[in-house]
Amino acid sequence: MNLRNRRGFTLIEVIVVAAIIAILAGVLVPMIFNQIDESKISKAKGDCKSIQNALLALRKDVGKWPSQRVIGTNATVLYGLAPGIAFVEPAELAGLGFTTTQPVSLADSLVKKDSDTYDATNTTWKGPYMPGLNQDPWEKPYIVDGVGLDDTTVPPVPVWVLSAGPDGVFQTAKGAETLAGDDIGVRIK
């Protein structure tokens, strides 16, 4: 076989194909990353709604919020984190009006029956109300204002299940009527 009759790709053809692939990648990659961000936001919204439903079911069964403790002082902030991770007060919470002196894990009431919250004679706890509770998709805790849950003023002070959102910074102030910044949340009361 003669090498001159052999057909191959020219340099121009290879450059054109590479340019087409680069253009397609430039268009498709941002769309794919946008879908990933949207899925994280949807997951956080769903988690907040699940926590809200679990808290309302617990309140209905037990007759009190998980912030109202039997032993020690009432919880000031309820937080959701992966098991074994301790709550570290995000500095911005105090600046938003939250009291964080007595943080308590949401899992202590929604996933397991916490002896500090429910005494041994309490048989109305029908949990677990959630199979597990982890941090939000950006690895920050979900938070609930425990002090606000205990508030009995009329009209009630708004209380949210909050995720700090994509930027990882809480921006919704305690008792706010609406969410601020890119925070993601569901109002409990």
C-alpha atoms as a PDB file:
ATOM      1  CA  MET A   1       0.000   0.000   0.000  1.00  0.00           C
ATOM      2  CA  ASN A   2       1.285   3.419  -0.911  1.00  0.00           C
ATOM      3  CA  LEU A   3       1.667   5.885   1.981  1.00  0.00           C
ATOM      4  CA  ARG A   4       0.704   8.801  -0.240  1.00  0.00           C
ATOM      5  CA  ASN A   5      -2.785   7.367  -0.777  1.00  0.00           C
ATOM      6  CA  ARG A   6      -3.410   7.043   2.934  1.00  0.00           C
ATOM      7  CA  ARG A   7      -5.942   9.585   4.196  1.00  0.00           C
ATOM      8  CA  GLY A   8      -5.438  11.296   7.610  1.00  0.00           C
ATOM      9  CA  PHE A   9      -6.528  14.426   9.442  1.00  0.00           C
ATOM     10  CA  THR A  10      -4.954  17.721   8.591  1.00  0.00           C
ATOM     11  CA  LEU A  11      -3.848  20.157  11.251  1.00  0.00           C
ATOM     12  CA  ILE A  12      -6.705  22.500  10.330  1.00  0.00           C
ATOM     13  CA  GLU A  13      -9.287  19.746  10.846  1.00  0.00           C
ATOM     14  CA  VAL A  14      -7.861  18.890  14.254  1.00  0.00           C
ATOM     15  CA  ILE A  15      -7.886  22.577  15.312  1.00  0.00           C
ATOM     16  CA  VAL A  16     -11.503  23.010  14.158  1.00  0.00           C
ATOM     17  CA  VAL A  17     -12.650  19.933  16.134  1.00  0.00           C
ATOM     18  CA  ALA A  18     -10.758  21.123  19.231  1.00  0.00           C
ATOM     19  CA  ALA A  19     -12.363  24.576  18.903  1.00  0.00           C
ATOM     20  CA  ILE A  20     -15.839  23.060  18.652  1.00  0.00           C
ATOM     21  CA  ILE A  21     -15.221  20.921  21.743  1.00  0.00           C
ATOM     22  CA  ALA A  22     -13.925  23.987  23.656  1.00  0.00           C
ATOM     23  CA  ILE A  23     -16.986  26.040  22.696  1.00  0.00           C
ATOM     24  CA  LEU A  24     -19.360  23.260  23.751  1.00  0.00           C
ATOM     25  CA  ALA A  25     -17.501  22.844  27.043  1.00  0.00           C
ATOM     26  CA  GLY A  26     -17.646  26.608  27.630  1.00  0.00           C
ATOM     27  CA  VAL A  27     -21.414  26.553  27.175  1.00  0.00           C
ATOM     28  CA  LEU A  28     -22.255  23.294  28.965  1.00  0.00           C
ATOM     29  CA  VAL A  29     -19.984  23.416  32.038  1.00  0.00           C
ATOM     30  CA  PRO A  30     -21.631  26.539  33.578  1.00  0.00           C
ATOM     31  CA  MET A  31     -25.052  24.994  32.964  1.00  0.00           C
ATOM     32  CA  ILE A  32     -23.999  21.790  34.723  1.00  0.00           C
ATOM     33  CA  PHE A  33     -22.542  23.663  37.723  1.00  0.00           C
ATOM     34  CA  ASN A  34     -25.706  25.783  37.912  1.00  0.00           C
ATOM     35  CA  GLN A  35     -27.765  22.584  38.148  1.00  0.00           C
ATOM     36  CA  ILE A  36     -25.535  21.344  40.975  1.00  0.00           C
ATOM     37  CA  ASP A  37     -26.065  24.623  42.874  1.00  0.00           C
ATOM     38  CA  GLU A  38     -29.819  24.431  42.283  1.00  0.00           C
ATOM     39  CA  SER A  39     -29.914  20.864  43.614  1.00  0.00           C
ATOM     40  CA  LYS A  40     -28.118  21.948  46.810  1.00  0.00           C
ATOM     41  CA  ILE A  41     -30.646  24.766  47.307  1.00  0.00           C
ATOM     42  CA  SER A  42     -33.523  22.328  46.747  1.00  0.00           C
ATOM     43  CA  LYS A  43     -32.009  19.877  49.242  1.00  0.00           C
ATOM     44  CA  ALA A  44     -31.640  22.624  51.871  1.00  0.00           C
ATOM     45  CA  LYS A  45     -35.264  23.715  51.342  1.00  0.00           C
ATOM     46  CA  GLY A  46     -36.432  20.124  51.676  1.00  0.00           C
ATOM     47  CA  ASP A  47     -34.350  19.581  54.813  1.00  0.00           C
ATOM     48  CA  CYS A  48     -35.757  22.769  56.397  1.00  0.00           C
ATOM     49  CA  LYS A  49     -39.297  21.611  55.613  1.00  0.00           C
ATOM     50  CA  SER A  50     -38.551  18.148  57.095  1.00  0.00           C
ATOM     51  CA  ILE A  51     -37.161  19.720  60.282  1.00  0.00           C
ATOM     52  CA  GLN A  52     -40.219  22.003  60.503  1.00  0.00           C
ATOM     53  CA  ASN A  53     -42.603  19.053  60.133  1.00  0.00           C
ATOM     54  CA  ALA A  54     -40.666  16.998  62.678  1.00  0.00           C
ATOM     55  CA  LEU A  55     -40.685  19.871  65.205  1.00  0.00           C
ATOM     56  CA  LEU A  56     -44.433  20.391  64.765  1.00  0.00           C
ATOM     57  CA  ALA A  57     -45.120  16.652  65.174  1.00  0.00           C
ATOM     58  CA  LEU A  58     -42.935  16.550  68.291  1.00  0.00           C
ATOM     59  CA  ARG A  59     -44.742  19.600  69.727  1.00  0.00           C
ATOM     60  CA  LYS A  60     -48.103  17.964  69.027  1.00  0.00           C
ATOM     61  CA  ASP A  61     -47.087  14.680  70.700  1.00  0.00           C
ATOM     62  CA  VAL A  62     -45.150  15.964  73.701  1.00  0.00           C
ATOM     63  CA  GLY A  63     -46.831  19.317  74.304  1.00  0.00           C
ATOM     64  CA  LYS A  64     -43.607  21.326  74.365  1.00  0.00           C
ATOM     65  CA  TRP A  65     -40.821  22.422  72.083  1.00  0.00           C
ATOM     66  CA  PRO A  66     -37.426  20.694  72.311  1.00  0.00           C
ATOM     67  CA  SER A  67     -35.953  23.936  73.649  1.00  0.00           C
ATOM     68  CA  GLN A  68     -37.949  23.537  76.909  1.00  0.00           C
ATOM     69  CA  ARG A  69     -35.623  21.336  78.910  1.00  0.00           C
ATOM     70  CA  VAL A  70     -36.288  19.466  82.147  1.00  0.00           C
ATOM     71  CA  ILE A  71     -32.667  19.657  83.345  1.00  0.00           C
ATOM     72  CA  GLY A  72     -30.658  22.872  83.119  1.00  0.00           C
ATOM     73  CA  THR A  73     -31.678  26.003  81.292  1.00  0.00           C
ATOM     74  CA  ASN A  74     -33.817  26.093  78.182  1.00  0.00           C
ATOM     75  CA  ALA A  75     -32.028  25.759  74.848  1.00  0.00           C
ATOM     76  CA  THR A  76     -31.308  29.082  73.178  1.00  0.00           C
ATOM     77  CA  VAL A  77     -30.396  27.718  69.731  1.00  0.00           C
ATOM     78  CA  LEU A  78     -31.292  24.324  68.318  1.00  0.00           C
ATOM     79  CA  TYR A  79     -28.831  23.152  65.690  1.00  0.00           C
ATOM     80  CA  GLY A  80     -28.494  20.307  63.242  1.00  0.00           C
ATOM     81  CA  LEU A  81     -25.054  18.864  62.544  1.00  0.00           C
ATOM     82  CA  ALA A  82     -23.621  15.503  61.625  1.00  0.00           C
ATOM     83  CA  PRO A  83     -23.144  13.196  64.626  1.00  0.00           C
ATOM     84  CA  GLY A  84     -19.935  13.827  66.520  1.00  0.00           C
ATOM     85  CA  ILE A  85     -19.515  17.422  65.315  1.00  0.00           C
ATOM     86  CA  ALA A  86     -19.835  20.016  68.065  1.00  0.00           C
ATOM     87  CA  PHE A  87     -21.702  23.265  67.493  1.00  0.00           C
ATOM     88  CA  VAL A  88     -19.348  26.195  67.134  1.00  0.00           C
ATOM     89  CA  GLU A  89     -21.235  29.452  67.402  1.00  0.00           C
ATOM     90  CA  PRO A  90     -21.121  31.232  64.094  1.00  0.00           C
ATOM     91  CA  ALA A  91     -20.024  34.745  65.055  1.00  0.00           C
ATOM     92  CA  GLU A  92     -22.748  36.297  62.940  1.00  0.00           C
ATOM     93  CA  LEU A  93     -25.566  34.751  65.051  1.00  0.00           C
ATOM     94  CA  ALA A  94     -24.946  37.048  68.034  1.00  0.00           C
ATOM     95  CA  GLY A  95     -24.906  40.047  65.698  1.00  0.00           C
ATOM     96  CA  LEU A  96     -28.320  38.994  64.382  1.00  0.00           C
ATOM     97  CA  GLY A  97     -29.904  38.945  67.842  1.00  0.00           C
ATOM     98  CA  PHE A  98     -29.666  35.208  68.585  1.00  0.00           C
ATOM     99  CA  THR A  99     -28.718  34.046  72.066  1.00  0.00           C
ATOM    100  CA  THR A 100     -26.278  31.160  71.795  1.00  0.00           C
ATOM    101  CA  THR A 101     -25.326  30.470  75.414  1.00  0.00           C
ATOM    102  CA  GLN A 102     -27.156  27.106  75.538  1.00  0.00           C
ATOM    103  CA  PRO A 103     -27.052  25.399  72.117  1.00  0.00           C
ATOM    104  CA  VAL A 104     -28.726  21.984  71.908  1.00  0.00           C
ATOM    105  CA  SER A 105     -28.692  19.489  69.059  1.00  0.00           C
ATOM    106  CA  LEU A 106     -31.980  19.027  67.214  1.00  0.00           C
ATOM    107  CA  ALA A 107     -31.110  15.332  66.979  1.00  0.00           C
ATOM    108  CA  ASP A 108     -31.491  15.053  70.765  1.00  0.00           C
ATOM    109  CA  SER A 109     -35.238  15.518  70.338  1.00  0.00           C
ATOM    110  CA  LEU A 110     -36.039  14.561  66.762  1.00  0.00           C
ATOM    111  CA  VAL A 111     -33.845  11.471  66.326  1.00  0.00           C
ATOM    112  CA  LYS A 112     -33.517  10.200  69.896  1.00  0.00           C
ATOM    113  CA  LYS A 113     -35.273  10.839  73.209  1.00  0.00           C
ATOM    114  CA  ASP A 114     -33.034  13.179  75.200  1.00  0.00           C
ATOM    115  CA  SER A 115     -33.209  12.667  78.979  1.00  0.00           C
ATOM    116  CA  ASP A 116     -32.482  16.382  79.561  1.00  0.00           C
ATOM    117  CA  THR A 117     -35.606  17.328  77.618  1.00  0.00           C
ATOM    118  CA  TYR A 118     -38.009  14.508  78.456  1.00  0.00           C
ATOM    119  CA  ASP A 119     -38.182  12.874  81.838  1.00  0.00           C
ATOM    120  CA  ALA A 120     -38.426   9.109  82.226  1.00  0.00           C
ATOM    121  CA  THR A 121     -42.180   9.209  82.778  1.00  0.00           C
ATOM    122  CA  ASN A 122     -42.860  10.999  79.476  1.00  0.00           C
ATOM    123  CA  THR A 123     -44.479   8.410  77.232  1.00  0.00           C
ATOM    124  CA  THR A 124     -45.859  10.823  74.644  1.00  0.00           C
ATOM    125  CA  TRP A 125     -42.577  10.985  72.678  1.00  0.00           C
ATOM    126  CA  LYS A 126     -43.339   8.860  69.600  1.00  0.00           C
ATOM    127  CA  GLY A 127     -40.078   9.413  67.726  1.00  0.00           C
ATOM    128  CA  PRO A 128     -37.807   9.239  66.035  1.00  0.00           C
ATOM    129  CA  TYR A 129     -39.352  12.081  64.060  1.00  0.00           C
ATOM    130  CA  MET A 130     -36.474  12.052  61.572  1.00  0.00           C
ATOM    131  CA  PRO A 131     -34.155   9.191  60.597  1.00  0.00           C
ATOM    132  CA  GLY A 132     -31.100  11.410  61.000  1.00  0.00           C
ATOM    133  CA  LEU A 133     -30.020  15.015  60.951  1.00  0.00           C
ATOM    134  CA  ASN A 134     -26.947  16.454  59.297  1.00  0.00           C
ATOM    135  CA  GLN A 135     -25.651  19.854  58.314  1.00  0.00           C
ATOM    136  CA  ASP A 136     -26.797  21.685  55.194  1.00  0.00           C
ATOM    137  CA  PRO A 137     -25.272  20.982  51.746  1.00  0.00           C
ATOM    138  CA  TRP A 138     -22.574  23.611  52.408  1.00  0.00           C
ATOM    139  CA  GLU A 139     -21.588  21.863  55.676  1.00  0.00           C
ATOM    140  CA  LYS A 140     -23.076  24.490  58.009  1.00  0.00           C
ATOM    141  CA  PRO A 141     -25.612  23.743  60.768  1.00  0.00           C
ATOM    142  CA  TYR A 142     -29.334  24.205  60.375  1.00  0.00           C
ATOM    143  CA  ILE A 143     -30.466  26.455  63.222  1.00  0.00           C
ATOM    144  CA  VAL A 144     -33.732  27.227  65.022  1.00  0.00           C
ATOM    145  CA  ASP A 145     -34.215  30.034  67.541  1.00  0.00           C
ATOM    146  CA  GLY A 146     -35.078  28.143  70.739  1.00  0.00           C
ATOM    147  CA  VAL A 147     -35.894  31.346  72.624  1.00  0.00           C
ATOM    148  CA  GLY A 148     -38.369  32.288  69.875  1.00  0.00           C
ATOM    149  CA  LEU A 149     -40.059  28.888  70.101  1.00  0.00           C
ATOM    150  CA  ASP A 150     -40.691  29.483  73.799  1.00  0.00           C
ATOM    151  CA  ASP A 151     -42.083  32.993  73.182  1.00  0.00           C
ATOM    152  CA  THR A 152     -45.835  33.193  73.825  1.00  0.00           C
ATOM    153  CA  THR A 153     -46.522  36.742  72.635  1.00  0.00           C
ATOM    154  CA  VAL A 154     -49.457  37.410  70.329  1.00  0.00           C
ATOM    155  CA  PRO A 155     -48.908  37.741  67.438  1.00  0.00           C
ATOM    156  CA  PRO A 156     -46.041  35.256  67.656  1.00  0.00           C
ATOM    157  CA  VAL A 157     -42.494  36.291  66.874  1.00  0.00           C
ATOM    158  CA  PRO A 158     -41.466  34.611  63.600  1.00  0.00           C
ATOM    159  CA  VAL A 159     -39.238  31.558  64.088  1.00  0.00           C
ATOM    160  CA  TRP A 160     -37.392  29.952  61.170  1.00  0.00           C
ATOM    161  CA  VAL A 161     -35.543  26.735  60.460  1.00  0.00           C
ATOM    162  CA  LEU A 162     -32.521  28.292  58.752  1.00  0.00           C
ATOM    163  CA  SER A 163     -29.662  27.274  56.489  1.00  0.00           C
ATOM    164  CA  ALA A 164     -26.934  29.855  55.863  1.00  0.00           C
ATOM    165  CA  GLY A 165     -27.222  29.145  52.150  1.00  0.00           C
ATOM    166  CA  PRO A 166     -24.493  29.046  49.494  1.00  0.00           C
ATOM    167  CA  ASP A 167     -22.350  31.814  51.009  1.00  0.00           C
ATOM    168  CA  GLY A 168     -22.255  30.087  54.424  1.00  0.00           C
ATOM    169  CA  VAL A 169     -23.169  33.265  56.345  1.00  0.00           C
ATOM    170  CA  PHE A 170     -26.412  33.647  58.308  1.00  0.00           C
ATOM    171  CA  GLN A 171     -28.087  36.938  57.395  1.00  0.00           C
ATOM    172  CA  THR A 172     -31.661  36.539  58.679  1.00  0.00           C
ATOM    173  CA  ALA A 173     -32.073  38.322  62.017  1.00  0.00           C
ATOM    174  CA  LYS A 174     -33.872  36.747  64.968  1.00  0.00           C
ATOM    175  CA  GLY A 175     -37.617  37.383  64.650  1.00  0.00           C
ATOM    176  CA  ALA A 176     -37.371  38.625  61.035  1.00  0.00           C
ATOM    177  CA  GLU A 177     -40.558  38.538  58.975  1.00  0.00           C
ATOM    178  CA  THR A 178     -38.681  37.493  55.812  1.00  0.00           C
ATOM    179  CA  LEU A 179     -35.456  35.706  54.929  1.00  0.00           C
ATOM    180  CA  ALA A 180     -32.418  37.882  54.240  1.00  0.00           C
ATOM    181  CA  GLY A 181     -29.508  37.445  51.855  1.00  0.00           C
ATOM    182  CA  ASP A 182     -29.210  33.958  50.414  1.00  0.00           C
ATOM    183  CA  ASP A 183     -30.438  32.242  53.592  1.00  0.00           C
ATOM    184  CA  ILE A 184     -32.760  29.316  53.004  1.00  0.00           C
ATOM    185  CA  GLY A 185     -35.492  28.571  55.496  1.00  0.00           C
ATOM    186  CA  VAL A 186     -39.007  27.626  56.462  1.00  0.00           C
ATOM    187  CA  ARG A 187     -41.049  29.514  59.049  1.00  0.00           C
ATOM    188  CA  ILE A 188     -42.246  27.443  62.010  1.00  0.00           C
ATOM    189  CA  LYS A 189     -44.453  30.039  63.637  1.00  0.00           C
END
